[in-house]
Amino acid sequence: MSEPLPSPVNVTPPEGWRVSALHDPFEAYVGPLFERTDSDGARLFSFIADARHVDETGAVHEGMLMTFADAFLGGAANRAAGGDCVTLSMQASFLVEAHAGDLIECRTQVDRVTRAVVFVSGRFSTGGADVATATSLWKVLGAR
């Protein structure tokens, strides 16, 4: 795996979070993104929305939420498959707006693993309120 890429901005991780090592140049550009392990052993991910992440109305852009989903639902798929996966499809529902300054968290869940496809879902929240949900299918590279 390549060396982690730096983010174009320096943001101090929120208390209890650490910077997540990003290897995709696009994800590094919208970062930094953070991660931590919850008390139940689940890996959680987050970012602090800033001016790069919002649309003209000041709401976090759906494209940013999809990028965030792709990064960490994909990571969950890779771990579940024990190797590299690529996005086959992703479906998202946007529930409420988030804004610059919000800490947006992601909790992923691996729903099913087959030889060739991994099914992953995620919930995205800020301040305890759900912002979005996503479901995705991931192709395990090399599997038929």
C-alpha atoms as a PDB file:
ATOM      1  CA  MET A   1       0.000   0.000   0.000  1.00  0.00           C
ATOM      2  CA  SER A   2       1.218   3.506  -0.749  1.00  0.00           C
ATOM      3  CA  GLU A   3       2.150   6.073   1.890  1.00  0.00           C
ATOM      4  CA  PRO A   4      -0.781   8.052   3.345  1.00  0.00           C
ATOM      5  CA  LEU A   5      -1.465  11.323   1.549  1.00  0.00           C
ATOM      6  CA  PRO A   6      -1.609  14.661   3.370  1.00  0.00           C
ATOM      7  CA  SER A   7      -4.770  16.753   3.512  1.00  0.00           C
ATOM      8  CA  PRO A   8      -4.588  20.307   2.114  1.00  0.00           C
ATOM      9  CA  VAL A   9      -5.838  21.642   5.458  1.00  0.00           C
ATOM     10  CA  ASN A  10      -4.684  20.968   8.978  1.00  0.00           C
ATOM     11  CA  VAL A  11      -7.518  20.173  11.385  1.00  0.00           C
ATOM     12  CA  THR A  12      -6.973  18.987  14.927  1.00  0.00           C
ATOM     13  CA  PRO A  13      -8.858  15.729  15.494  1.00  0.00           C
ATOM     14  CA  PRO A  14     -11.789  15.988  17.898  1.00  0.00           C
ATOM     15  CA  GLU A  15     -11.112  14.510  21.328  1.00  0.00           C
ATOM     16  CA  GLY A  16     -10.996  10.721  21.141  1.00  0.00           C
ATOM     17  CA  TRP A  17     -10.464  10.650  17.347  1.00  0.00           C
ATOM     18  CA  ARG A  18      -7.282  10.140  15.291  1.00  0.00           C
ATOM     19  CA  VAL A  19      -6.508  11.134  11.705  1.00  0.00           C
ATOM     20  CA  SER A  20      -7.384   8.337   9.284  1.00  0.00           C
ATOM     21  CA  ALA A  21      -4.628   7.404   6.807  1.00  0.00           C
ATOM     22  CA  LEU A  22      -5.963   8.195   3.320  1.00  0.00           C
ATOM     23  CA  HIS A  23      -4.441   6.774   0.136  1.00  0.00           C
ATOM     24  CA  ASP A  24      -6.891   8.035  -2.500  1.00  0.00           C
ATOM     25  CA  PRO A  25      -5.927  11.544  -3.718  1.00  0.00           C
ATOM     26  CA  PHE A  26      -9.551  12.713  -3.943  1.00  0.00           C
ATOM     27  CA  GLU A  27     -10.357  11.553  -0.417  1.00  0.00           C
ATOM     28  CA  ALA A  28      -7.172  13.192   0.889  1.00  0.00           C
ATOM     29  CA  TYR A  29      -8.219  16.443  -0.789  1.00  0.00           C
ATOM     30  CA  VAL A  30     -11.549  16.575   1.085  1.00  0.00           C
ATOM     31  CA  GLY A  31      -9.941  15.461   4.358  1.00  0.00           C
ATOM     32  CA  PRO A  32      -8.707  15.161   6.896  1.00  0.00           C
ATOM     33  CA  LEU A  33     -11.021  12.348   7.897  1.00  0.00           C
ATOM     34  CA  PHE A  34     -10.908  10.804  11.356  1.00  0.00           C
ATOM     35  CA  GLU A  35     -11.513   7.421  12.970  1.00  0.00           C
ATOM     36  CA  ARG A  36     -11.888   5.833  16.387  1.00  0.00           C
ATOM     37  CA  THR A  37     -12.966   2.544  17.903  1.00  0.00           C
ATOM     38  CA  ASP A  38     -16.215   2.659  19.876  1.00  0.00           C
ATOM     39  CA  SER A  39     -16.669   0.941  23.240  1.00  0.00           C
ATOM     40  CA  ASP A  40     -18.426  -1.951  21.436  1.00  0.00           C
ATOM     41  CA  GLY A  41     -15.391  -2.455  19.153  1.00  0.00           C
ATOM     42  CA  ALA A  42     -17.007  -0.844  16.096  1.00  0.00           C
ATOM     43  CA  ARG A  43     -14.879   1.454  13.943  1.00  0.00           C
ATOM     44  CA  LEU A  44     -16.385   4.920  13.541  1.00  0.00           C
ATOM     45  CA  PHE A  45     -15.337   7.587  11.064  1.00  0.00           C
ATOM     46  CA  SER A  46     -15.897  11.335  10.917  1.00  0.00           C
ATOM     47  CA  PHE A  47     -15.033  14.658   9.349  1.00  0.00           C
ATOM     48  CA  ILE A  48     -15.558  18.245  10.382  1.00  0.00           C
ATOM     49  CA  ALA A  49     -17.481  20.007   7.620  1.00  0.00           C
ATOM     50  CA  ASP A  50     -15.828  23.185   6.354  1.00  0.00           C
ATOM     51  CA  ALA A  51     -16.291  25.649   3.493  1.00  0.00           C
ATOM     52  CA  ARG A  52     -14.942  23.100   0.960  1.00  0.00           C
ATOM     53  CA  HIS A  53     -17.789  20.710   1.784  1.00  0.00           C
ATOM     54  CA  VAL A  54     -20.886  22.923   1.446  1.00  0.00           C
ATOM     55  CA  ASP A  55     -23.161  23.979  -1.391  1.00  0.00           C
ATOM     56  CA  GLU A  56     -24.311  27.528  -2.182  1.00  0.00           C
ATOM     57  CA  THR A  57     -26.954  27.379   0.570  1.00  0.00           C
ATOM     58  CA  GLY A  58     -24.399  26.429   3.257  1.00  0.00           C
ATOM     59  CA  ALA A  59     -25.537  22.813   3.602  1.00  0.00           C
ATOM     60  CA  VAL A  60     -22.999  19.989   3.348  1.00  0.00           C
ATOM     61  CA  HIS A  61     -23.030  18.911  -0.296  1.00  0.00           C
ATOM     62  CA  GLU A  62     -24.492  15.491  -1.021  1.00  0.00           C
ATOM     63  CA  GLY A  63     -21.390  14.742  -3.119  1.00  0.00           C
ATOM     64  CA  MET A  64     -19.236  15.152  -0.012  1.00  0.00           C
ATOM     65  CA  LEU A  65     -21.460  12.765   1.902  1.00  0.00           C
ATOM     66  CA  MET A  66     -21.196  10.256  -0.965  1.00  0.00           C
ATOM     67  CA  THR A  67     -17.390  10.626  -1.036  1.00  0.00           C
ATOM     68  CA  PHE A  68     -17.311  10.048   2.721  1.00  0.00           C
ATOM     69  CA  ALA A  69     -19.588   7.008   2.305  1.00  0.00           C
ATOM     70  CA  ASP A  70     -17.475   5.580  -0.513  1.00  0.00           C
ATOM     71  CA  ALA A  71     -14.289   5.921   1.539  1.00  0.00           C
ATOM     72  CA  PHE A  72     -15.489   4.158   4.647  1.00  0.00           C
ATOM     73  CA  LEU A  73     -18.107   1.734   3.353  1.00  0.00           C
ATOM     74  CA  GLY A  74     -15.361   0.664   0.943  1.00  0.00           C
ATOM     75  CA  GLY A  75     -12.928   0.240   3.820  1.00  0.00           C
ATOM     76  CA  ALA A  76     -15.455  -1.990   5.594  1.00  0.00           C
ATOM     77  CA  ALA A  77     -15.879  -4.045   2.396  1.00  0.00           C
ATOM     78  CA  ASN A  78     -12.106  -4.424   1.992  1.00  0.00           C
ATOM     79  CA  ARG A  79     -11.723  -5.634   5.581  1.00  0.00           C
ATOM     80  CA  ALA A  80     -14.655  -8.062   5.244  1.00  0.00           C
ATOM     81  CA  ALA A  81     -13.333  -9.477   1.961  1.00  0.00           C
ATOM     82  CA  GLY A  82      -9.744  -9.650   3.152  1.00  0.00           C
ATOM     83  CA  GLY A  83      -8.603  -7.808   0.019  1.00  0.00           C
ATOM     84  CA  ASP A  84      -9.377  -5.022  -2.394  1.00  0.00           C
ATOM     85  CA  CYS A  85     -12.921  -4.230  -3.532  1.00  0.00           C
ATOM     86  CA  VAL A  86     -14.362  -1.659  -5.935  1.00  0.00           C
ATOM     87  CA  THR A  87     -17.726   0.069  -5.834  1.00  0.00           C
ATOM     88  CA  LEU A  88     -20.455  -1.681  -7.835  1.00  0.00           C
ATOM     89  CA  SER A  89     -23.315   0.531  -6.650  1.00  0.00           C
ATOM     90  CA  MET A  90     -24.292   2.889  -3.874  1.00  0.00           C
ATOM     91  CA  GLN A  91     -27.723   4.181  -2.873  1.00  0.00           C
ATOM     92  CA  ALA A  92     -28.078   7.089  -0.437  1.00  0.00           C
ATOM     93  CA  SER A  93     -30.923   8.854   1.309  1.00  0.00           C
ATOM     94  CA  PHE A  94     -30.335  12.395   2.564  1.00  0.00           C
ATOM     95  CA  LEU A  95     -32.432  13.024   5.654  1.00  0.00           C
ATOM     96  CA  VAL A  96     -31.499  16.444   7.101  1.00  0.00           C
ATOM     97  CA  GLU A  97     -28.927  19.111   6.303  1.00  0.00           C
ATOM     98  CA  ALA A  98     -25.564  19.329   8.011  1.00  0.00           C
ATOM     99  CA  HIS A  99     -23.543  22.566   7.985  1.00  0.00           C
ATOM    100  CA  ALA A 100     -19.983  23.861   8.178  1.00  0.00           C
ATOM    101  CA  GLY A 101     -18.632  23.227  11.654  1.00  0.00           C
ATOM    102  CA  ASP A 102     -20.634  20.018  12.165  1.00  0.00           C
ATOM    103  CA  LEU A 103     -18.814  16.817  13.081  1.00  0.00           C
ATOM    104  CA  ILE A 104     -20.368  14.198  10.817  1.00  0.00           C
ATOM    105  CA  GLU A 105     -19.918  10.597  11.948  1.00  0.00           C
ATOM    106  CA  CYS A 106     -20.233   7.355   9.995  1.00  0.00           C
ATOM    107  CA  ARG A 107     -21.021   3.934  11.433  1.00  0.00           C
ATOM    108  CA  THR A 108     -20.694   1.104   8.900  1.00  0.00           C
ATOM    109  CA  GLN A 109     -22.188  -2.366   8.942  1.00  0.00           C
ATOM    110  CA  VAL A 110     -21.255  -5.334   6.770  1.00  0.00           C
ATOM    111  CA  ASP A 111     -24.614  -6.893   5.917  1.00  0.00           C
ATOM    112  CA  ARG A 112     -23.502  -9.860   3.806  1.00  0.00           C
ATOM    113  CA  VAL A 113     -20.325 -11.275   2.285  1.00  0.00           C
ATOM    114  CA  THR A 114     -20.259 -13.610  -0.707  1.00  0.00           C
ATOM    115  CA  ARG A 115     -17.270 -14.855  -2.665  1.00  0.00           C
ATOM    116  CA  ALA A 116     -17.578 -12.016  -5.194  1.00  0.00           C
ATOM    117  CA  VAL A 117     -19.706  -9.260  -3.598  1.00  0.00           C
ATOM    118  CA  VAL A 118     -19.807  -7.528  -0.202  1.00  0.00           C
ATOM    119  CA  PHE A 119     -22.980  -5.730   0.951  1.00  0.00           C
ATOM    120  CA  VAL A 120     -22.327  -2.759   3.285  1.00  0.00           C
ATOM    121  CA  SER A 121     -24.583  -0.116   4.823  1.00  0.00           C
ATOM    122  CA  GLY A 122     -23.879   3.017   6.793  1.00  0.00           C
ATOM    123  CA  ARG A 123     -25.536   5.675   8.954  1.00  0.00           C
ATOM    124  CA  PHE A 124     -24.284   9.240   9.016  1.00  0.00           C
ATOM    125  CA  SER A 125     -25.118  11.544  11.898  1.00  0.00           C
ATOM    126  CA  THR A 126     -24.255  14.835  13.553  1.00  0.00           C
ATOM    127  CA  GLY A 127     -25.147  15.743  17.109  1.00  0.00           C
ATOM    128  CA  GLY A 128     -27.087  12.483  17.456  1.00  0.00           C
ATOM    129  CA  ALA A 129     -29.356  13.231  14.475  1.00  0.00           C
ATOM    130  CA  ASP A 130     -29.204  11.087  11.344  1.00  0.00           C
ATOM    131  CA  VAL A 131     -28.064  13.083   8.303  1.00  0.00           C
ATOM    132  CA  ALA A 132     -28.015  10.293   5.711  1.00  0.00           C
ATOM    133  CA  THR A 133     -28.027   6.550   5.160  1.00  0.00           C
ATOM    134  CA  ALA A 134     -26.324   4.536   2.433  1.00  0.00           C
ATOM    135  CA  THR A 135     -26.296   0.969   1.152  1.00  0.00           C
ATOM    136  CA  SER A 136     -23.660  -0.332  -1.215  1.00  0.00           C
ATOM    137  CA  LEU A 137     -22.400  -3.334  -3.165  1.00  0.00           C
ATOM    138  CA  TRP A 138     -18.663  -3.964  -3.568  1.00  0.00           C
ATOM    139  CA  LYS A 139     -16.981  -6.268  -6.120  1.00  0.00           C
ATOM    140  CA  VAL A 140     -14.176  -8.337  -4.601  1.00  0.00           C
ATOM    141  CA  LEU A 141     -11.288  -7.952  -7.047  1.00  0.00           C
ATOM    142  CA  GLY A 142     -10.201 -11.234  -8.593  1.00  0.00           C
ATOM    143  CA  ALA A 143     -13.361 -13.079  -7.522  1.00  0.00           C
ATOM    144  CA  ARG A 144     -15.797 -14.556 -10.028  1.00  0.00           C
END
